[in-house]
N, C-alpha and C. Protein backbone atom coordinates (compact mmCIF):
# COMPACT_ATOMS: atom_id res chain seq x y z
N UNK A 1 -69.95 25.38 -31.54
CA UNK A 1 -69.69 26.59 -32.28
C UNK A 1 -70.04 26.39 -33.75
N UNK A 2 -69.71 25.23 -34.29
CA UNK A 2 -70.00 24.95 -35.69
C UNK A 2 -71.48 24.98 -35.98
N UNK A 3 -72.27 24.38 -35.10
CA UNK A 3 -73.73 24.39 -35.30
C UNK A 3 -74.28 25.82 -35.21
N UNK A 4 -73.74 26.61 -34.33
CA UNK A 4 -74.18 27.99 -34.19
C UNK A 4 -73.86 28.78 -35.46
N UNK A 5 -72.69 28.58 -36.03
CA UNK A 5 -72.33 29.27 -37.27
C UNK A 5 -73.23 28.81 -38.40
N UNK A 6 -73.52 27.51 -38.48
CA UNK A 6 -74.44 27.02 -39.51
C UNK A 6 -75.81 27.64 -39.34
N UNK A 7 -76.30 27.74 -38.12
CA UNK A 7 -77.60 28.35 -37.84
C UNK A 7 -77.62 29.81 -38.32
N UNK A 8 -76.56 30.55 -37.98
CA UNK A 8 -76.51 31.96 -38.39
C UNK A 8 -76.41 32.10 -39.90
N UNK A 9 -75.72 31.18 -40.55
CA UNK A 9 -75.59 31.24 -42.01
C UNK A 9 -76.93 31.06 -42.69
N UNK A 10 -77.78 30.25 -42.12
CA UNK A 10 -79.08 29.97 -42.73
C UNK A 10 -80.17 30.95 -42.32
N UNK A 11 -80.03 31.60 -41.19
CA UNK A 11 -81.12 32.42 -40.64
C UNK A 11 -80.90 33.93 -40.67
N UNK A 12 -79.70 34.37 -40.50
CA UNK A 12 -79.47 35.79 -40.25
C UNK A 12 -78.67 36.39 -41.40
N UNK A 13 -79.12 37.54 -41.87
CA UNK A 13 -78.35 38.27 -42.88
C UNK A 13 -77.12 38.87 -42.21
N UNK A 14 -76.00 38.81 -42.90
CA UNK A 14 -74.76 39.31 -42.33
C UNK A 14 -74.75 40.83 -42.31
N UNK A 15 -74.37 41.39 -41.19
CA UNK A 15 -74.24 42.84 -41.05
C UNK A 15 -72.93 43.14 -40.34
N UNK A 16 -72.27 44.18 -40.79
CA UNK A 16 -71.00 44.55 -40.16
C UNK A 16 -71.28 45.15 -38.80
N UNK A 17 -70.56 44.67 -37.81
CA UNK A 17 -70.75 45.15 -36.45
C UNK A 17 -69.57 46.00 -36.02
N UNK A 18 -69.81 46.83 -35.02
CA UNK A 18 -68.73 47.63 -34.46
C UNK A 18 -67.74 46.69 -33.77
N UNK A 19 -66.47 47.08 -33.69
CA UNK A 19 -65.48 46.23 -33.02
C UNK A 19 -65.90 45.93 -31.58
N UNK A 20 -65.71 44.71 -31.19
CA UNK A 20 -66.09 44.29 -29.84
C UNK A 20 -64.93 44.52 -28.89
N UNK A 21 -65.25 44.68 -27.60
CA UNK A 21 -64.21 44.88 -26.58
C UNK A 21 -63.46 43.59 -26.27
N UNK A 22 -64.04 42.47 -26.63
CA UNK A 22 -63.46 41.19 -26.26
C UNK A 22 -62.46 40.68 -27.29
N UNK A 23 -62.14 41.45 -28.33
CA UNK A 23 -61.22 40.95 -29.34
C UNK A 23 -59.78 40.82 -28.81
N UNK A 24 -59.36 41.70 -27.92
CA UNK A 24 -58.00 41.58 -27.36
C UNK A 24 -57.87 40.31 -26.51
N UNK A 25 -58.80 40.03 -25.59
CA UNK A 25 -58.69 38.75 -24.86
C UNK A 25 -58.81 37.53 -25.78
N UNK A 26 -59.62 37.65 -26.82
CA UNK A 26 -59.74 36.55 -27.79
C UNK A 26 -58.39 36.32 -28.48
N UNK A 27 -57.73 37.41 -28.87
CA UNK A 27 -56.41 37.29 -29.50
C UNK A 27 -55.39 36.68 -28.55
N UNK A 28 -55.45 37.06 -27.28
CA UNK A 28 -54.53 36.49 -26.29
C UNK A 28 -54.78 34.99 -26.15
N UNK A 29 -56.05 34.59 -26.02
CA UNK A 29 -56.38 33.17 -25.86
C UNK A 29 -55.98 32.38 -27.10
N UNK A 30 -56.27 32.91 -28.29
CA UNK A 30 -55.90 32.22 -29.52
C UNK A 30 -54.40 32.10 -29.67
N UNK A 31 -53.66 33.16 -29.33
CA UNK A 31 -52.20 33.12 -29.41
C UNK A 31 -51.60 32.14 -28.42
N UNK A 32 -52.17 32.11 -27.21
CA UNK A 32 -51.69 31.16 -26.20
C UNK A 32 -51.91 29.72 -26.65
N UNK A 33 -53.11 29.43 -27.16
CA UNK A 33 -53.39 28.08 -27.64
C UNK A 33 -52.50 27.71 -28.82
N UNK A 34 -52.25 28.67 -29.70
CA UNK A 34 -51.41 28.40 -30.86
C UNK A 34 -49.99 28.08 -30.44
N UNK A 35 -49.45 28.86 -29.51
CA UNK A 35 -48.06 28.66 -29.09
C UNK A 35 -47.90 27.45 -28.17
N UNK A 36 -48.84 27.24 -27.28
CA UNK A 36 -48.68 26.15 -26.31
C UNK A 36 -49.15 24.81 -26.84
N UNK A 37 -50.13 24.81 -27.73
CA UNK A 37 -50.68 23.55 -28.21
C UNK A 37 -50.28 23.19 -29.62
N UNK A 38 -49.49 24.03 -30.26
CA UNK A 38 -49.06 23.72 -31.62
C UNK A 38 -50.08 24.10 -32.67
N UNK A 39 -51.06 24.88 -32.33
CA UNK A 39 -52.09 25.32 -33.27
C UNK A 39 -53.30 25.79 -32.52
N UNK A 40 -54.17 26.47 -33.19
CA UNK A 40 -55.39 26.91 -32.55
C UNK A 40 -55.78 28.33 -32.87
N UNK A 41 -54.82 29.13 -33.35
CA UNK A 41 -55.15 30.52 -33.63
C UNK A 41 -56.29 30.61 -34.64
N UNK A 42 -56.13 30.00 -35.78
CA UNK A 42 -57.14 30.09 -36.84
C UNK A 42 -58.51 29.56 -36.42
N UNK A 43 -58.59 28.31 -35.96
CA UNK A 43 -59.90 27.76 -35.60
C UNK A 43 -60.58 28.51 -34.46
N UNK A 44 -59.84 28.88 -33.45
CA UNK A 44 -60.45 29.55 -32.29
C UNK A 44 -60.91 30.95 -32.65
N UNK A 45 -60.04 31.73 -33.23
CA UNK A 45 -60.36 33.14 -33.49
C UNK A 45 -61.34 33.29 -34.64
N UNK A 46 -61.13 32.56 -35.74
CA UNK A 46 -62.04 32.69 -36.88
C UNK A 46 -63.45 32.26 -36.52
N UNK A 47 -63.59 31.11 -35.89
CA UNK A 47 -64.94 30.63 -35.57
C UNK A 47 -65.63 31.55 -34.56
N UNK A 48 -64.89 32.11 -33.64
CA UNK A 48 -65.49 33.04 -32.67
C UNK A 48 -65.95 34.32 -33.35
N UNK A 49 -65.12 34.88 -34.22
CA UNK A 49 -65.51 36.11 -34.91
C UNK A 49 -66.70 35.88 -35.83
N UNK A 50 -66.68 34.81 -36.61
CA UNK A 50 -67.78 34.54 -37.52
C UNK A 50 -69.04 34.20 -36.73
N UNK A 51 -68.90 33.42 -35.68
CA UNK A 51 -70.05 33.06 -34.86
C UNK A 51 -70.68 34.25 -34.17
N UNK A 52 -69.90 35.30 -33.92
CA UNK A 52 -70.46 36.48 -33.26
C UNK A 52 -71.07 37.45 -34.26
N UNK A 53 -71.04 37.11 -35.54
CA UNK A 53 -71.73 37.91 -36.54
C UNK A 53 -70.86 38.78 -37.41
N UNK A 54 -69.56 38.71 -37.27
CA UNK A 54 -68.67 39.50 -38.11
C UNK A 54 -68.64 38.89 -39.51
N UNK A 55 -68.43 39.72 -40.51
CA UNK A 55 -68.42 39.28 -41.89
C UNK A 55 -67.32 38.25 -42.12
N UNK A 56 -67.63 37.14 -42.78
CA UNK A 56 -66.64 36.07 -42.97
C UNK A 56 -65.39 36.53 -43.71
N UNK A 57 -65.54 37.35 -44.75
CA UNK A 57 -64.37 37.77 -45.52
C UNK A 57 -63.39 38.55 -44.66
N UNK A 58 -63.91 39.51 -43.91
CA UNK A 58 -63.04 40.32 -43.07
C UNK A 58 -62.46 39.49 -41.93
N UNK A 59 -63.26 38.58 -41.39
CA UNK A 59 -62.78 37.73 -40.29
C UNK A 59 -61.64 36.83 -40.75
N UNK A 60 -61.85 36.14 -41.86
CA UNK A 60 -60.83 35.22 -42.36
C UNK A 60 -59.57 35.99 -42.75
N UNK A 61 -59.74 37.11 -43.45
CA UNK A 61 -58.58 37.90 -43.87
C UNK A 61 -57.80 38.46 -42.69
N UNK A 62 -58.52 39.00 -41.71
CA UNK A 62 -57.86 39.58 -40.54
C UNK A 62 -57.14 38.51 -39.73
N UNK A 63 -57.80 37.37 -39.53
CA UNK A 63 -57.19 36.30 -38.73
C UNK A 63 -55.96 35.75 -39.44
N UNK A 64 -56.03 35.57 -40.75
CA UNK A 64 -54.87 35.03 -41.47
C UNK A 64 -53.72 36.02 -41.48
N UNK A 65 -54.01 37.31 -41.58
CA UNK A 65 -52.95 38.31 -41.53
C UNK A 65 -52.29 38.33 -40.16
N UNK A 66 -53.11 38.33 -39.12
CA UNK A 66 -52.56 38.33 -37.76
C UNK A 66 -51.83 37.03 -37.45
N UNK A 67 -52.27 35.93 -38.06
CA UNK A 67 -51.63 34.65 -37.81
C UNK A 67 -50.16 34.65 -38.23
N UNK A 68 -49.85 35.42 -39.26
CA UNK A 68 -48.45 35.53 -39.67
C UNK A 68 -47.60 36.05 -38.52
N UNK A 69 -48.06 37.11 -37.86
CA UNK A 69 -47.29 37.70 -36.77
C UNK A 69 -47.26 36.79 -35.55
N UNK A 70 -48.36 36.10 -35.29
CA UNK A 70 -48.40 35.15 -34.17
C UNK A 70 -47.40 34.02 -34.42
N UNK A 71 -47.36 33.51 -35.64
CA UNK A 71 -46.44 32.43 -35.98
C UNK A 71 -44.99 32.88 -35.91
N UNK A 72 -44.71 34.07 -36.40
CA UNK A 72 -43.33 34.59 -36.33
C UNK A 72 -42.89 34.71 -34.87
N UNK A 73 -43.76 35.25 -34.01
CA UNK A 73 -43.40 35.40 -32.60
C UNK A 73 -43.19 34.05 -31.94
N UNK A 74 -44.09 33.09 -32.18
CA UNK A 74 -43.96 31.76 -31.57
C UNK A 74 -42.73 31.04 -32.10
N UNK A 75 -42.50 31.10 -33.41
CA UNK A 75 -41.35 30.40 -34.00
C UNK A 75 -40.04 31.01 -33.51
N UNK A 76 -40.00 32.33 -33.42
CA UNK A 76 -38.78 32.98 -32.93
C UNK A 76 -38.48 32.54 -31.50
N UNK A 77 -39.50 32.50 -30.69
CA UNK A 77 -39.31 32.06 -29.30
C UNK A 77 -38.81 30.63 -29.24
N UNK A 78 -39.42 29.75 -30.01
CA UNK A 78 -38.99 28.34 -30.01
C UNK A 78 -37.57 28.19 -30.53
N UNK A 79 -37.22 28.91 -31.59
CA UNK A 79 -35.88 28.80 -32.14
C UNK A 79 -34.84 29.31 -31.15
N UNK A 80 -35.14 30.41 -30.45
CA UNK A 80 -34.21 30.96 -29.49
C UNK A 80 -34.04 30.01 -28.30
N UNK A 81 -35.14 29.47 -27.82
CA UNK A 81 -35.10 28.61 -26.63
C UNK A 81 -34.66 27.18 -26.92
N UNK A 82 -35.09 26.62 -28.03
CA UNK A 82 -34.85 25.21 -28.29
C UNK A 82 -33.82 24.94 -29.38
N UNK A 83 -33.46 25.95 -30.13
CA UNK A 83 -32.52 25.75 -31.23
C UNK A 83 -33.26 25.49 -32.53
N UNK A 84 -32.56 25.63 -33.61
CA UNK A 84 -33.16 25.46 -34.92
C UNK A 84 -33.39 23.98 -35.20
N UNK A 85 -34.57 23.66 -35.75
CA UNK A 85 -34.87 22.27 -36.08
C UNK A 85 -34.32 21.95 -37.46
N UNK A 86 -34.16 20.67 -37.75
CA UNK A 86 -33.64 20.28 -39.06
C UNK A 86 -34.52 20.80 -40.20
N UNK A 87 -33.91 21.19 -41.30
CA UNK A 87 -34.65 21.74 -42.43
C UNK A 87 -35.60 20.73 -43.06
N UNK A 88 -35.35 19.46 -42.89
CA UNK A 88 -36.23 18.45 -43.48
C UNK A 88 -37.63 18.52 -42.90
N UNK A 89 -37.79 19.07 -41.71
CA UNK A 89 -39.11 19.23 -41.09
C UNK A 89 -39.68 20.62 -41.35
N UNK A 90 -38.83 21.60 -41.49
CA UNK A 90 -39.26 22.99 -41.63
C UNK A 90 -39.66 23.33 -43.07
N UNK A 91 -38.92 22.88 -44.04
CA UNK A 91 -39.19 23.25 -45.43
C UNK A 91 -40.57 22.81 -45.94
N UNK A 92 -41.04 21.60 -45.67
CA UNK A 92 -42.38 21.24 -46.13
C UNK A 92 -43.48 22.12 -45.53
N UNK A 93 -43.31 22.54 -44.28
CA UNK A 93 -44.29 23.41 -43.66
C UNK A 93 -44.31 24.78 -44.33
N UNK A 94 -43.12 25.33 -44.59
CA UNK A 94 -43.04 26.63 -45.25
C UNK A 94 -43.59 26.55 -46.67
N UNK A 95 -43.23 25.52 -47.40
CA UNK A 95 -43.70 25.36 -48.77
C UNK A 95 -45.22 25.19 -48.82
N UNK A 96 -45.77 24.42 -47.91
CA UNK A 96 -47.22 24.24 -47.84
C UNK A 96 -47.94 25.55 -47.57
N UNK A 97 -47.41 26.35 -46.66
CA UNK A 97 -48.01 27.65 -46.36
C UNK A 97 -47.94 28.61 -47.53
N UNK A 98 -46.80 28.62 -48.22
CA UNK A 98 -46.63 29.51 -49.37
C UNK A 98 -47.59 29.13 -50.49
N UNK A 99 -47.80 27.85 -50.70
CA UNK A 99 -48.71 27.41 -51.76
C UNK A 99 -50.18 27.57 -51.38
N UNK A 100 -50.51 27.39 -50.11
CA UNK A 100 -51.90 27.45 -49.69
C UNK A 100 -52.42 28.88 -49.50
N UNK A 101 -51.56 29.82 -49.17
CA UNK A 101 -52.00 31.19 -48.89
C UNK A 101 -52.71 31.85 -50.09
N UNK A 102 -52.16 31.81 -51.29
CA UNK A 102 -52.88 32.43 -52.41
C UNK A 102 -54.21 31.73 -52.71
N UNK A 103 -54.26 30.43 -52.54
CA UNK A 103 -55.50 29.70 -52.76
C UNK A 103 -56.57 30.14 -51.76
N UNK A 104 -56.18 30.30 -50.52
CA UNK A 104 -57.13 30.77 -49.51
C UNK A 104 -57.61 32.18 -49.79
N UNK A 105 -56.71 33.06 -50.18
CA UNK A 105 -57.09 34.43 -50.53
C UNK A 105 -58.05 34.46 -51.70
N UNK A 106 -57.78 33.66 -52.71
CA UNK A 106 -58.66 33.60 -53.88
C UNK A 106 -60.04 33.08 -53.48
N UNK A 107 -60.08 32.04 -52.65
CA UNK A 107 -61.36 31.45 -52.25
C UNK A 107 -62.20 32.45 -51.44
N UNK A 108 -61.57 33.16 -50.52
CA UNK A 108 -62.31 34.12 -49.70
C UNK A 108 -62.85 35.26 -50.55
N UNK A 109 -62.12 35.62 -51.58
CA UNK A 109 -62.56 36.71 -52.44
C UNK A 109 -63.72 36.29 -53.34
N UNK A 110 -63.75 35.05 -53.78
CA UNK A 110 -64.72 34.59 -54.77
C UNK A 110 -65.98 33.94 -54.19
N UNK A 111 -65.86 33.25 -53.08
CA UNK A 111 -66.99 32.51 -52.52
C UNK A 111 -67.91 33.46 -51.77
N UNK A 112 -69.24 33.36 -51.99
CA UNK A 112 -70.18 34.24 -51.28
C UNK A 112 -70.09 34.03 -49.76
N UNK A 113 -70.47 35.09 -49.02
CA UNK A 113 -70.35 35.07 -47.56
C UNK A 113 -71.13 33.92 -46.94
N UNK A 114 -72.34 33.67 -47.42
CA UNK A 114 -73.14 32.58 -46.86
C UNK A 114 -72.45 31.23 -47.10
N UNK A 115 -71.86 31.06 -48.26
CA UNK A 115 -71.13 29.83 -48.55
C UNK A 115 -69.93 29.65 -47.65
N UNK A 116 -69.22 30.76 -47.37
CA UNK A 116 -68.08 30.68 -46.46
C UNK A 116 -68.54 30.28 -45.05
N UNK A 117 -69.63 30.87 -44.60
CA UNK A 117 -70.13 30.52 -43.26
C UNK A 117 -70.56 29.06 -43.21
N UNK A 118 -71.22 28.59 -44.26
CA UNK A 118 -71.62 27.17 -44.29
C UNK A 118 -70.40 26.26 -44.30
N UNK A 119 -69.37 26.64 -45.05
CA UNK A 119 -68.15 25.82 -45.11
C UNK A 119 -67.43 25.81 -43.76
N UNK A 120 -67.30 26.97 -43.13
CA UNK A 120 -66.61 27.05 -41.84
C UNK A 120 -67.39 26.26 -40.79
N UNK A 121 -68.70 26.46 -40.72
CA UNK A 121 -69.52 25.74 -39.75
C UNK A 121 -69.48 24.24 -39.95
N UNK A 122 -69.57 23.80 -41.21
CA UNK A 122 -69.53 22.37 -41.50
C UNK A 122 -68.18 21.75 -41.14
N UNK A 123 -67.11 22.48 -41.42
CA UNK A 123 -65.78 21.98 -41.09
C UNK A 123 -65.60 21.85 -39.58
N UNK A 124 -66.07 22.84 -38.84
CA UNK A 124 -65.96 22.79 -37.37
C UNK A 124 -66.75 21.61 -36.82
N UNK A 125 -67.98 21.41 -37.33
CA UNK A 125 -68.80 20.29 -36.85
C UNK A 125 -68.14 18.96 -37.18
N UNK A 126 -67.65 18.81 -38.42
CA UNK A 126 -67.03 17.56 -38.82
C UNK A 126 -65.79 17.25 -37.99
N UNK A 127 -64.93 18.24 -37.79
CA UNK A 127 -63.73 18.01 -36.99
C UNK A 127 -64.07 17.71 -35.53
N UNK A 128 -65.10 18.36 -35.02
CA UNK A 128 -65.50 18.10 -33.63
C UNK A 128 -66.05 16.70 -33.47
N UNK A 129 -66.84 16.23 -34.44
CA UNK A 129 -67.38 14.87 -34.37
C UNK A 129 -66.24 13.85 -34.43
N UNK A 130 -65.28 14.08 -35.29
CA UNK A 130 -64.13 13.17 -35.38
C UNK A 130 -63.36 13.14 -34.06
N UNK A 131 -63.11 14.32 -33.48
CA UNK A 131 -62.37 14.36 -32.21
C UNK A 131 -63.16 13.70 -31.08
N UNK A 132 -64.47 13.90 -31.05
CA UNK A 132 -65.29 13.23 -30.03
C UNK A 132 -65.27 11.72 -30.22
N UNK A 133 -65.34 11.28 -31.46
CA UNK A 133 -65.29 9.84 -31.72
C UNK A 133 -63.94 9.26 -31.29
N UNK A 134 -62.87 9.98 -31.52
CA UNK A 134 -61.55 9.52 -31.06
C UNK A 134 -61.46 9.52 -29.54
N UNK A 135 -62.03 10.54 -28.91
CA UNK A 135 -61.97 10.64 -27.45
C UNK A 135 -62.72 9.48 -26.79
N UNK A 136 -63.82 9.05 -27.40
CA UNK A 136 -64.60 7.94 -26.86
C UNK A 136 -64.20 6.60 -27.48
N UNK A 137 -63.07 6.61 -28.19
CA UNK A 137 -62.49 5.41 -28.80
C UNK A 137 -63.44 4.71 -29.75
N UNK A 138 -64.22 5.51 -30.50
CA UNK A 138 -65.09 4.96 -31.53
C UNK A 138 -64.37 4.89 -32.88
N UNK A 139 -63.28 5.62 -32.97
CA UNK A 139 -62.43 5.58 -34.19
C UNK A 139 -61.04 5.12 -33.83
């Protein structure tokens, strides 16, 4: 997916597309991965939307906004079913999110669309290479 996004960033001019019919199943899959695997909403949904040609700014903004609701639903379910976790683990996560959110919003607003696509594609490729190296015990 990362290589595909990099290819599109270098070759194709970005054009806004009509909403796709597959966004609801994509949201379901991303939410399931996020809740069951401890993460996945952002990487799965953002890379799929950008890779399919949607504008990076709208994709990142929409995914991050929806991620708030996905996280609230998953956290509420976990707290109800498993009980509240100690604050020593919860507070750093909340503080990190509060500090990182404005930085992400500022970056998406200021960085050109092609630069965002190159950054997203490069990050996906780098993380995939690291995970493959770990899977084959090269790291």
